[in-house]
Amino acid sequence: MRRCARCGHIGCCDDSPATHATAHAKATGHPVIRSFEPGETWFWNYDTSQLYESAPQLAPPDGHPADQPVPGPAGRVPATGLSGSAGLRP
């Protein structure tokens, strides 16, 4: 999961079928996202393709609940959308 640093929109990463975070960045011109995974603090800038290991804190919450399945409720995500890797891709 990824969070827009400008407006707070939460979207799925590029490993998901619909790449909602990337679509949001393109549609709104909000190029900077932050990981919304528990314990991850990196940011990504779509305009510059630059990864930032740290940046200013955003307003809470910092991530989805650790026990919440991603990208959605267990058993409701198509198998084609699962990669098995969280990685550092936006």
Foldseek 3Di string as FASTA:
>chain_A
DKAQQPPGDDDDPPLFPPRGVVVCCVVPVRQKIADQAPPQAWIAGNVVRDIDRHDDDGPDDSHDPNPADPPHHPPPGDPSSDDPDPDDGD
